[in-house]
Structures are given as C-alpha cells and as structure tokens.
Protein backbone atom coordinates (compact mmCIF):
# COMPACT_ATOMS: atom_id res chain seq x y z
CA MET A 1 147.98 94.98 137.83
CA THR A 2 150.47 93.76 135.25
CA THR A 3 149.14 91.00 132.99
CA ILE A 4 150.68 88.43 130.70
CA ARG A 5 149.60 90.62 127.76
CA ASP A 6 151.73 93.48 129.10
CA VAL A 7 154.75 91.16 129.13
CA SER A 8 154.10 89.91 125.59
CA LYS A 9 153.61 93.48 124.31
CA LEU A 10 156.85 94.73 125.86
CA VAL A 11 158.87 91.84 124.43
CA GLY A 12 157.10 91.79 121.07
CA VAL A 13 156.08 88.14 121.19
CA SER A 14 152.72 86.42 121.39
CA VAL A 15 150.89 85.71 124.64
CA ALA A 16 151.18 82.02 123.74
CA THR A 17 154.98 82.27 123.69
CA VAL A 18 155.05 83.85 127.16
CA SER A 19 152.62 81.22 128.40
CA ARG A 20 154.77 78.38 127.04
CA LEU A 21 157.74 79.71 128.94
CA LEU A 22 155.82 80.26 132.17
CA ASN A 23 154.35 76.75 132.05
CA GLN A 24 157.46 75.17 130.50
CA SER A 25 155.12 73.45 128.06
CA GLY A 26 156.81 74.03 124.72
CA TYR A 27 159.75 75.45 122.80
CA VAL A 28 160.89 79.02 123.37
CA SER A 29 164.16 80.30 121.90
CA LYS A 30 166.94 81.32 124.28
CA GLU A 31 166.74 84.88 122.96
CA ALA A 32 163.00 85.09 123.62
CA GLU A 33 163.39 83.49 127.03
CA SER A 34 165.95 86.10 128.11
CA ALA A 35 163.74 88.94 126.87
CA ILE A 36 160.64 87.54 128.62
CA VAL A 37 162.46 87.08 131.92
CA ALA A 38 163.78 90.67 131.69
CA ALA A 39 160.27 91.98 131.00
CA ILE A 40 158.79 89.98 133.89
CA GLN A 41 161.33 91.53 136.23
CA LYS A 42 160.87 95.04 134.82
CA LEU A 43 157.08 94.89 135.07
CA ASN A 44 157.15 93.04 138.42
CA TYR A 45 154.87 90.38 136.98
CA LYS A 46 154.53 87.59 139.57
CA PRO A 47 151.96 84.92 138.75
CA ASN A 48 152.28 82.41 141.60
CA ASN A 49 155.98 83.14 142.01
CA ILE A 50 156.74 82.09 138.43
CA ALA A 51 158.87 85.20 137.90
CA ARG A 52 161.13 84.20 140.74
CA SER A 53 161.17 80.65 139.39
CA LEU A 54 162.39 81.80 135.98
CA ALA A 55 164.91 84.33 137.25
CA GLY A 56 166.40 82.27 140.06
CA LYS A 57 165.22 78.73 139.29
CA LYS A 58 163.27 78.82 142.56
CA THR A 59 159.58 78.94 143.49
CA ALA A 60 160.12 79.92 147.13
CA ALA A 61 158.16 76.84 148.17
CA VAL A 62 159.26 73.83 150.23
CA ALA A 63 157.35 70.70 151.21
CA LEU A 64 157.12 68.28 154.11
CA MET A 65 155.81 64.76 153.55
CA VAL A 66 154.60 62.85 156.63
CA PRO A 67 153.09 59.34 156.93
CA ASP A 68 150.34 60.12 159.47
CA ILE A 69 149.21 63.64 160.35
CA LEU A 70 146.96 62.23 163.11
CA ASN A 71 150.06 61.17 165.07
CA PRO A 72 150.86 64.24 167.24
CA PHE A 73 154.57 63.71 166.57
CA PHE A 74 154.18 64.97 163.00
CA PRO A 75 152.23 68.20 163.58
CA GLU A 76 155.02 69.32 165.91
CA ILE A 77 157.59 68.49 163.22
CA ALA A 78 155.45 70.45 160.75
CA ARG A 79 155.14 73.45 163.05
CA ALA A 80 158.89 73.65 163.51
CA ALA A 81 159.62 73.19 159.81
CA GLU A 82 157.05 75.82 158.85
CA ASP A 83 158.46 78.32 161.36
CA ALA A 84 161.95 77.84 159.94
CA ALA A 85 160.69 78.09 156.35
CA ALA A 86 158.68 81.25 157.00
CA ALA A 87 161.68 82.89 158.63
CA GLU A 88 163.51 82.51 155.30
CA GLY A 89 160.57 83.63 153.15
CA TYR A 90 159.44 80.23 151.93
CA THR A 91 155.88 79.02 151.42
CA PHE A 92 155.30 75.70 153.19
CA VAL A 93 153.41 72.75 151.71
CA LEU A 94 152.31 69.81 153.89
CA CYS A 95 151.62 66.40 152.34
CA ASN A 96 150.05 63.54 154.32
CA THR A 97 150.79 60.19 152.64
CA ASP A 98 148.86 57.85 154.98
CA ASN A 99 151.94 55.60 154.84
CA ASN A 100 150.82 54.69 151.33
CA PRO A 101 153.63 54.28 148.75
CA VAL A 102 151.25 54.99 145.85
CA LYS A 103 150.03 58.23 147.42
CA GLU A 104 153.63 59.09 148.31
CA LYS A 105 154.76 58.65 144.69
CA ARG A 106 151.85 60.76 143.45
CA TYR A 107 152.80 63.59 145.83
CA ILE A 108 156.41 63.45 144.66
CA GLU A 109 155.33 63.71 141.02
CA THR A 110 153.05 66.65 141.84
CA LEU A 111 155.79 68.47 143.73
CA ILE A 112 158.20 67.97 140.83
CA ASN A 113 155.62 69.40 138.43
CA LYS A 114 155.07 72.36 140.77
CA GLN A 115 158.83 73.02 140.70
CA ILE A 116 159.17 72.69 144.46
CA ASP A 117 162.50 74.00 145.77
CA GLY A 118 163.09 71.14 148.20
CA ILE A 119 161.39 68.40 150.21
CA ILE A 120 161.64 67.06 153.76
CA ILE A 121 160.52 63.44 153.70
CA SER A 122 159.41 61.45 156.73
CA SER A 123 158.41 58.07 155.38
CA TYR A 124 158.41 54.46 156.48
CA THR A 125 158.50 53.20 152.89
CA ILE A 126 160.64 55.64 150.84
CA GLN A 127 163.72 54.07 149.26
CA ALA A 128 167.17 55.61 148.88
CA GLU A 129 166.94 55.31 145.10
CA GLN A 130 163.84 57.53 145.06
CA ILE A 131 165.64 60.25 146.99
CA ILE A 132 168.73 60.00 144.79
CA ALA A 133 166.46 60.39 141.73
CA LEU A 134 165.07 63.61 143.20
CA GLN A 135 168.55 64.91 143.94
CA ASP A 136 169.60 64.06 140.38
CA ARG A 137 166.80 66.40 139.25
CA SER A 138 168.31 69.16 141.44
CA ILE A 139 165.59 68.85 144.09
CA PRO A 140 167.26 68.87 147.52
CA VAL A 141 165.92 66.37 150.06
CA VAL A 142 166.30 65.91 153.81
CA ALA A 143 164.93 62.67 155.31
CA ILE A 144 163.66 62.34 158.87
CA ASN A 145 163.51 59.19 161.03
CA LYS A 146 165.13 56.88 158.50
CA PRO A 147 168.88 56.79 157.81
CA PHE A 148 170.28 55.66 154.45
CA SER A 149 173.69 54.28 155.24
CA GLY A 150 176.10 54.41 152.31
CA TYR A 151 174.07 56.97 150.34
CA PRO A 152 174.80 60.72 149.98
CA ILE A 153 171.55 61.75 151.69
CA VAL A 154 171.06 64.18 154.58
CA THR A 155 169.06 62.37 157.27
CA ILE A 156 168.03 63.24 160.81
CA THR A 157 167.18 60.55 163.34
CA ALA A 158 166.85 60.17 167.10
CA ALA A 159 169.20 58.04 169.17
CA ASN A 160 166.55 55.31 169.20
CA GLN A 161 168.63 52.46 170.58
CA HIS A 162 170.08 54.62 173.33
CA GLY A 163 166.58 55.83 174.13
CA GLY A 164 165.34 52.25 174.42
CA GLU A 165 168.17 51.49 176.81
CA LEU A 166 167.27 54.55 178.87
CA ALA A 167 163.64 53.43 179.04
CA VAL A 168 164.41 49.92 180.28
CA SER A 169 167.07 51.16 182.71
CA HIS A 170 164.59 53.64 184.16
CA LEU A 171 161.97 50.94 184.73
CA GLN A 172 164.60 48.81 186.44
CA SER A 173 165.73 51.73 188.60
CA VAL A 174 162.19 52.23 189.94
CA GLY A 175 161.92 48.58 190.93
CA CYS A 176 160.41 46.72 187.97
CA GLN A 177 161.18 42.99 188.01
CA LYS A 178 159.40 41.83 184.84
CA ILE A 179 159.23 44.24 181.92
CA ALA A 180 157.11 43.93 178.77
CA HIS A 181 157.52 45.79 175.51
CA ILE A 182 154.98 47.09 172.98
CA SER A 183 156.71 47.44 169.64
CA GLY A 184 155.79 49.52 166.64
CA PRO A 185 155.85 48.25 163.02
CA THR A 186 158.70 45.84 162.38
CA ASP A 187 159.50 47.49 159.03
CA VAL A 188 160.15 50.91 160.63
CA HIS A 189 163.78 51.70 161.48
CA ALA A 190 163.06 53.58 164.72
CA SER A 191 160.74 50.84 165.94
CA ARG A 192 163.28 48.09 165.27
CA GLU A 193 166.03 49.95 167.12
CA ARG A 194 163.85 50.55 170.19
CA THR A 195 162.80 46.90 170.28
CA LEU A 196 166.39 45.77 169.84
CA ALA A 197 167.40 47.89 172.84
CA TYR A 198 164.68 46.23 174.95
CA GLU A 199 165.79 42.75 173.91
CA GLU A 200 169.46 43.48 174.57
CA GLN A 201 168.67 44.86 178.02
CA CYS A 202 166.29 42.09 179.06
CA LYS A 203 167.23 38.83 177.35
CA ALA A 204 169.73 37.82 180.06
CA PHE A 205 167.09 37.81 182.80
CA PRO A 206 165.40 34.49 183.65
CA TRP A 207 161.93 36.03 183.34
CA PHE A 208 162.45 37.11 179.74
CA THR A 209 160.38 35.45 177.03
CA PRO A 210 159.47 36.64 173.50
CA SER A 211 155.78 36.60 174.47
CA LEU A 212 156.50 39.71 176.59
CA ILE A 213 156.71 41.62 173.29
CA GLY A 214 153.45 42.82 171.74
CA TYR A 215 152.90 44.81 168.55
CA GLY A 216 150.88 48.03 168.48
CA ASN A 217 151.57 49.62 165.07
CA PHE A 218 152.37 53.01 166.66
CA THR A 219 148.65 53.64 167.40
CA VAL A 220 146.55 54.08 170.55
CA ALA A 221 144.28 51.21 169.53
CA GLY A 222 147.28 48.99 168.84
CA GLY A 223 148.84 49.77 172.21
CA TYR A 224 145.54 49.08 173.94
CA GLN A 225 145.12 45.64 172.38
CA ALA A 226 148.78 44.68 172.78
CA MET A 227 148.66 45.55 176.49
CA LYS A 228 145.54 43.43 177.02
CA ASP A 229 147.15 40.49 175.21
CA ILE A 230 150.39 40.78 177.18
CA TYR A 231 148.63 41.09 180.52
CA LYS A 232 146.50 38.03 179.80
CA LYS A 233 149.67 35.97 179.29
CA HIS A 234 151.74 37.69 182.01
CA PRO A 235 149.57 39.07 184.83
CA ASP A 236 152.74 39.42 186.95
CA VAL A 237 154.30 42.02 184.63
CA ASP A 238 155.18 45.19 186.57
CA GLY A 239 156.82 47.36 183.91
CA VAL A 240 155.96 48.26 180.30
CA PHE A 241 158.09 50.03 177.70
CA ALA A 242 155.93 51.21 174.81
CA GLY A 243 157.75 52.08 171.59
CA ASN A 244 155.92 55.39 171.22
CA ASP A 245 153.67 57.63 173.31
CA LEU A 246 150.47 56.78 171.44
CA MET A 247 150.89 53.08 172.21
CA ALA A 248 151.72 54.03 175.81
CA ALA A 249 148.41 55.92 176.04
CA GLY A 250 146.58 52.86 174.72
CA ALA A 251 148.39 50.63 177.20
CA LEU A 252 147.43 52.97 180.04
CA LYS A 253 143.79 52.78 179.02
CA ALA A 254 143.94 48.98 178.94
CA LEU A 255 145.57 48.77 182.37
CA ILE A 256 142.96 51.07 183.88
CA GLU A 257 140.16 48.94 182.37
CA LEU A 258 141.80 45.83 183.82
CA GLY A 259 141.77 47.42 187.27
CA VAL A 260 145.54 47.70 187.40
CA LYS A 261 146.88 50.73 189.25
CA VAL A 262 149.50 52.82 187.44
CA PRO A 263 152.17 53.35 188.68
CA GLU A 264 151.56 51.42 191.91
CA GLN A 265 151.21 47.98 190.29
CA VAL A 266 152.57 48.55 186.78
CA LYS A 267 154.93 51.29 185.69
CA LEU A 268 154.78 52.54 182.12
CA ILE A 269 157.11 54.50 179.85
CA GLY A 270 156.67 55.70 176.25
CA PHE A 271 158.91 57.22 173.58
CA ASP A 272 158.81 60.49 171.57
CA GLY A 273 157.86 63.23 174.02
CA ILE A 274 154.67 64.36 172.28
CA ARG A 275 152.34 66.73 174.13
CA MET A 276 149.82 64.62 176.04
CA GLU A 277 148.83 66.79 179.00
CA MET A 278 145.25 65.50 178.70
CA VAL A 279 146.34 61.98 179.71
CA TYR A 280 146.40 61.21 183.46
CA PRO A 281 148.64 60.15 184.99
CA GLU A 282 151.03 61.91 182.62
CA ILE A 283 153.18 59.41 180.77
CA THR A 284 156.88 59.13 181.51
CA THR A 285 158.65 59.15 178.16
CA ILE A 286 161.89 59.33 176.24
CA SER A 287 161.86 62.72 174.51
CA GLN A 288 163.52 63.15 171.14
CA GLN A 289 163.37 66.98 170.89
CA ILE A 290 160.73 66.96 168.18
CA TYR A 291 160.68 70.70 167.47
CA SER A 292 164.46 70.83 167.10
CA VAL A 293 164.36 67.92 164.63
CA GLY A 294 161.83 69.72 162.40
CA GLU A 295 163.63 73.05 162.65
CA THR A 296 167.03 71.54 161.90
CA ALA A 297 165.68 69.56 158.96
CA MET A 298 164.30 72.73 157.36
CA ASN A 299 167.49 74.68 158.04
CA TYR A 300 169.56 71.96 156.34
CA LEU A 301 167.11 71.87 153.42
CA ILE A 302 167.37 75.63 152.85
CA ARG A 303 171.15 75.40 152.96
CA LEU A 304 171.02 72.69 150.28
CA ILE A 305 168.66 74.84 148.18
CA ASN A 306 171.14 77.72 148.43
CA ASN A 307 174.03 75.41 147.47
CA GLU A 308 175.68 75.92 150.84
CA PRO A 309 177.91 73.11 152.11
CA VAL A 310 176.08 70.39 154.06
CA GLU A 311 177.68 67.02 154.72
CA ARG A 312 175.36 64.36 153.33
CA LYS A 313 175.17 61.96 156.26
CA ASN A 314 172.93 60.99 159.18
CA TYR A 315 172.68 63.50 162.02
CA GLU A 316 171.59 61.74 165.22
CA PHE A 317 169.77 63.75 167.88
CA ASP A 318 170.24 62.82 171.51
CA VAL A 319 167.24 61.85 173.64
CA GLU A 320 166.36 62.41 177.28
CA LEU A 321 164.18 60.89 179.98
CA LEU A 322 161.10 62.91 180.98
CA TYR A 323 160.12 61.46 184.36
CA LYS A 324 156.36 61.79 184.92
CA GLY A 325 153.38 60.18 186.61
CA THR A 326 153.34 56.66 185.13
CA THR A 327 156.61 55.65 186.80
C-alpha cells in the first residue's frame, strides 16, 4: 500500500510538506503542490479521497441535512437522494439537525471543513443568506421544502396550496358539512400554505370559525392533542384535514379513543403520502411524490457540482389525491 512517505520520497520533499497540502493546514509552494499532486496520481495514493480532492477539487461526497429523521417523510427523501448519489459514484452523508439552528450551523461548518462537494438542505430555519454564503464558497446547494423568492437558489417544493385545496374539496365531495384543520408549525412555509388553502376554501361557509383550526407541530402527539381539543369544542365536526400524515395518524388515534367511527362519522385526510400501511384504516392523503423530490434534488445538485447549467429557481412538484380508508 502506498504511504505518504512514498509520495514525499518521490517528490523530494518532507512528509510534513505533503501533510500540509493534504490537510490544507499551511503554506506549500505552487511548484511543490503540482509535484505532490502528480506523485499522488502516479502512485495512486488515496487517503480518504484526498487525491481526488486535490486533482479535481472534489471529494466525491455529498450531504443531506434534514430537520427530523424520525418523520418518515425524510428517510424516503434520504433513500432517493442516496440512490441518485451512488449511481454517480458519490458517498452520501446524512445530517439530522433536530430543527436546531445551532446544530444546523455546526453541521454546515463541519461539512465545509470536510470539503463536501455539495449539500441538499431541508430546513425550517435556514436563511437565504446562509445558502448564498455557501455558494460564494463554491459549495453548490439545493434546498427542499422552502423556496427563496428573489434569490439565485435551486429549490424544490410541493404544490402545497393546491394540495390543500384538493384535500378540502375531497372532503366536501364525500359529504362533509363541517371541516376542521390541524396545522403544522406556523413558521414553516409548507404548513402555512396548506393552512391558507383550508381557510380560503372554508371561510365563506357559515359554519367556519377560527377555533376549527388546531396546531399539531407536524407530530403524531400534536395531531392527537389537537384533534381532542377540536372535538371538545366542535363535536359536530364531520371532516378533518391534517397538514401532514403524522398529525393525521394522531387525529385518527384520538377519534378512535373518543368512540368516533372513521370514516362513518368523521372523515380524515392527511398530506405527504408517507408509507403508513400499519395504520388502519389507511389514511387518505395528498401525495407529494417524495422519492421523486429526493432524486431530483440530488440530480440537480450533481449537475451544479459539475458546472452544468441549472436555472436557479423554485421547481414545484405537483401533488395527487390518494383515496384510502379514512374517507
């Protein structure tokens, strides 16, 4: 196996000089750098892909940052992104930020230090300026689930407002006369758009009141509690649009505990299209083609890494109704 000493011997420089270049931790003359890179290639010396990094300014590694790996939406995004990365020969790094800006910033700094080739970011808190700063350091970025209007950033989102309209229209088409909504976090773009769609569809009806909207924080526990609170205030509700599938699962649990039959007495629809075959009855949902979103995000990222033309704008994926047991 070729060692760093073999490289230094061939070039005629010290091991320390080669190490400084590999770790980018000190001064190395341009002449020495060229000779070291040539020796690395000749000897096929590849410590953690550093040779490729020096020769092509790439580490063959890409990252995905997600806010909550326990939400089944994100593992499917990760699976798709990893499949697309592996097909192009890239190592895939997954970072779970717990929706924590401090942890998010720490991951970004680590990825910069590791000379990551590019990052897909799914974050509720990331700001456009942070992404621009990465791009200014020649680190390509694709953002998922959050558009940045007016900024040169590649983003991929679902047609959230259209999906919300589809959800409410479906509940109306199956006979619902009083529809409640369980919203996700108010500071999340997708959540706001879905809630806005509900309000626009329902506010003209005489039964509508803001107390029909509960807040479930995109979690099963949140959906469960929001459903109980709503039903206590409005026991005549006969339709529920939950802003994601996890909250819909929590709402279903609450309704069952309350002795309410689903879908006979209350019909329920979620949003996302995550795999929840273990839940019965299976939840009707608005699917946003999760795998395709992850795959497309990685394909765009690799094109940016390779300096191929990609228009820096928001790409909106269509959604579709998946009609199942809860309606």
